[in-house]
C-alpha atoms as a PDB file:
ATOM      1  CA  UNK A   1      94.648 131.687 123.355  1.00  0.00           C
ATOM      2  CA  UNK A   2      92.400 130.245 120.691  1.00  0.00           C
ATOM      3  CA  UNK A   3      92.507 126.915 118.954  1.00  0.00           C
ATOM      4  CA  UNK A   4      91.322 127.026 115.376  1.00  0.00           C
ATOM      5  CA  UNK A   5      90.323 124.164 113.112  1.00  0.00           C
ATOM      6  CA  UNK A   6      93.740 124.148 111.429  1.00  0.00           C
ATOM      7  CA  UNK A   7      95.473 123.649 114.790  1.00  0.00           C
ATOM      8  CA  UNK A   8      93.144 120.789 115.757  1.00  0.00           C
ATOM      9  CA  UNK A   9      93.820 119.048 112.449  1.00  0.00           C
ATOM     10  CA  UNK A  10      97.563 119.581 112.879  1.00  0.00           C
ATOM     11  CA  UNK A  11      97.497 118.081 116.380  1.00  0.00           C
ATOM     12  CA  UNK A  12      95.436 115.120 115.193  1.00  0.00           C
ATOM     13  CA  UNK A  13      97.926 114.544 112.381  1.00  0.00           C
ATOM     14  CA  UNK A  14     100.868 114.666 114.810  1.00  0.00           C
ATOM     15  CA  UNK A  15      99.145 112.220 117.149  1.00  0.00           C
ATOM     16  CA  UNK A  16      98.115 110.060 114.187  1.00  0.00           C
ATOM     17  CA  UNK A  17      94.429 110.228 115.045  1.00  0.00           C
ATOM     18  CA  UNK A  18      91.983 110.534 112.198  1.00  0.00           C
ATOM     19  CA  UNK A  19      89.207 112.995 112.959  1.00  0.00           C
ATOM     20  CA  UNK A  20      86.170 114.008 110.961  1.00  0.00           C
ATOM     21  CA  UNK A  21      85.456 117.636 110.072  1.00  0.00           C
ATOM     22  CA  UNK A  22      82.430 117.901 112.387  1.00  0.00           C
ATOM     23  CA  UNK A  23      84.260 116.395 115.330  1.00  0.00           C
ATOM     24  CA  UNK A  24      87.269 118.637 114.696  1.00  0.00           C
ATOM     25  CA  UNK A  25      85.017 121.718 114.812  1.00  0.00           C
ATOM     26  CA  UNK A  26      83.370 120.505 118.037  1.00  0.00           C
ATOM     27  CA  UNK A  27      86.767 119.741 119.543  1.00  0.00           C
ATOM     28  CA  UNK A  28      87.998 123.199 118.605  1.00  0.00           C
ATOM     29  CA  UNK A  29      85.000 124.784 120.351  1.00  0.00           C
ATOM     30  CA  UNK A  30      85.485 122.591 123.435  1.00  0.00           C
ATOM     31  CA  UNK A  31      89.182 123.379 123.684  1.00  0.00           C
ATOM     32  CA  UNK A  32      88.496 127.103 123.333  1.00  0.00           C
ATOM     33  CA  UNK A  33      85.967 126.998 126.162  1.00  0.00           C
ATOM     34  CA  UNK A  34      88.481 125.130 128.346  1.00  0.00           C
ATOM     35  CA  UNK A  35      91.152 127.743 127.642  1.00  0.00           C
ATOM     36  CA  UNK A  36      88.700 130.544 128.423  1.00  0.00           C
ATOM     37  CA  UNK A  37      87.986 128.933 131.784  1.00  0.00           C
ATOM     38  CA  UNK A  38      91.721 128.585 132.486  1.00  0.00           C
ATOM     39  CA  UNK A  39      92.225 132.258 131.701  1.00  0.00           C
ATOM     40  CA  UNK A  40      89.456 133.151 134.176  1.00  0.00           C
ATOM     41  CA  UNK A  41      91.143 131.026 136.816  1.00  0.00           C
ATOM     42  CA  UNK A  42      94.464 132.753 136.175  1.00  0.00           C
ATOM     43  CA  UNK A  43      92.841 136.097 137.022  1.00  0.00           C
ATOM     44  CA  UNK A  44      92.076 134.946 140.576  1.00  0.00           C
ATOM     45  CA  UNK A  45      94.297 136.092 143.433  1.00  0.00           C
ATOM     46  CA  UNK A  46      95.434 132.929 145.190  1.00  0.00           C
ATOM     47  CA  UNK A  47      98.309 134.388 147.211  1.00  0.00           C
ATOM     48  CA  UNK A  48      96.555 133.878 150.555  1.00  0.00           C
ATOM     49  CA  UNK A  49      95.136 130.472 149.667  1.00  0.00           C
ATOM     50  CA  UNK A  50      96.895 127.464 151.114  1.00  0.00           C
ATOM     51  CA  UNK A  51      97.334 124.449 148.844  1.00  0.00           C
ATOM     52  CA  UNK A  52      95.092 121.462 149.467  1.00  0.00           C
ATOM     53  CA  UNK A  53      96.284 117.962 150.089  1.00  0.00           C
ATOM     54  CA  UNK A  54      92.731 116.667 150.267  1.00  0.00           C
ATOM     55  CA  UNK A  55      89.254 118.088 149.835  1.00  0.00           C
ATOM     56  CA  UNK A  56      88.205 116.495 153.116  1.00  0.00           C
ATOM     57  CA  UNK A  57      88.796 118.866 156.021  1.00  0.00           C
ATOM     58  CA  UNK A  58      90.070 116.199 158.384  1.00  0.00           C
ATOM     59  CA  UNK A  59      93.366 115.548 160.051  1.00  0.00           C
ATOM     60  CA  UNK A  60      94.883 112.164 160.497  1.00  0.00           C
ATOM     61  CA  UNK A  61      94.479 110.624 163.908  1.00  0.00           C
ATOM     62  CA  UNK A  62      97.835 109.868 165.439  1.00  0.00           C
ATOM     63  CA  UNK A  63      98.505 106.792 167.478  1.00  0.00           C
ATOM     64  CA  UNK A  64     101.349 105.916 169.771  1.00  0.00           C
ATOM     65  CA  UNK A  65     103.836 103.426 168.447  1.00  0.00           C
ATOM     66  CA  UNK A  66     104.058 100.519 170.836  1.00  0.00           C
ATOM     67  CA  UNK A  67     106.789  97.968 170.770  1.00  0.00           C
ATOM     68  CA  UNK A  68     105.349  94.643 171.728  1.00  0.00           C
ATOM     69  CA  UNK A  69     107.752  91.773 172.101  1.00  0.00           C
ATOM     70  CA  UNK A  70     105.795  88.573 172.022  1.00  0.00           C
ATOM     71  CA  UNK A  71     106.963  85.058 171.638  1.00  0.00           C
ATOM     72  CA  UNK A  72     105.118  84.198 168.435  1.00  0.00           C
ATOM     73  CA  UNK A  73     107.640  81.767 167.006  1.00  0.00           C
ATOM     74  CA  UNK A  74     105.215  78.841 167.146  1.00  0.00           C
ATOM     75  CA  UNK A  75     102.493  80.868 165.446  1.00  0.00           C
ATOM     76  CA  UNK A  76     104.842  81.830 162.645  1.00  0.00           C
ATOM     77  CA  UNK A  77     106.155  78.291 162.193  1.00  0.00           C
ATOM     78  CA  UNK A  78     102.591  77.034 161.794  1.00  0.00           C
ATOM     79  CA  UNK A  79     102.660  78.661 158.343  1.00  0.00           C
ATOM     80  CA  UNK A  80     105.675  76.681 157.265  1.00  0.00           C
ATOM     81  CA  UNK A  81     105.041  73.446 155.344  1.00  0.00           C
ATOM     82  CA  UNK A  82     108.257  71.988 156.756  1.00  0.00           C
ATOM     83  CA  UNK A  83     110.136  73.108 159.854  1.00  0.00           C
ATOM     84  CA  UNK A  84     113.392  72.343 161.590  1.00  0.00           C
ATOM     85  CA  UNK A  85     113.278  73.451 165.225  1.00  0.00           C
ATOM     86  CA  UNK A  86     113.072  77.232 165.029  1.00  0.00           C
ATOM     87  CA  UNK A  87     113.498  77.829 161.294  1.00  0.00           C
ATOM     88  CA  UNK A  88     111.640  77.545 158.016  1.00  0.00           C
ATOM     89  CA  UNK A  89     112.916  74.850 155.727  1.00  0.00           C
ATOM     90  CA  UNK A  90     113.029  75.970 152.102  1.00  0.00           C
ATOM     91  CA  UNK A  91     114.101  74.152 148.944  1.00  0.00           C
ATOM     92  CA  UNK A  92     117.707  74.545 147.912  1.00  0.00           C
ATOM     93  CA  UNK A  93     117.995  77.015 145.052  1.00  0.00           C
ATOM     94  CA  UNK A  94     121.771  77.345 144.692  1.00  0.00           C
ATOM     95  CA  UNK A  95     124.107  74.416 144.117  1.00  0.00           C
END
């Protein structure tokens, strides 16, 4: 696939981007080189290649989930500006 100057100008018109003649020519050359590279990549046999989720070859370290029941009510209520026994006191928002 090749992108000529006419196509670049048409795309710039559709996207409402003004482009100078020199830049349009350079853009056409750049796009053609990108498409050439894509065509080379399409020639590769990737059937036996597994997809990557990350370029780092590490696995996540698993940890055991521990349920810890602690009595932290007092610690939590320290964050409340106003408290009533075991609950947060909040301003009334509905009448």
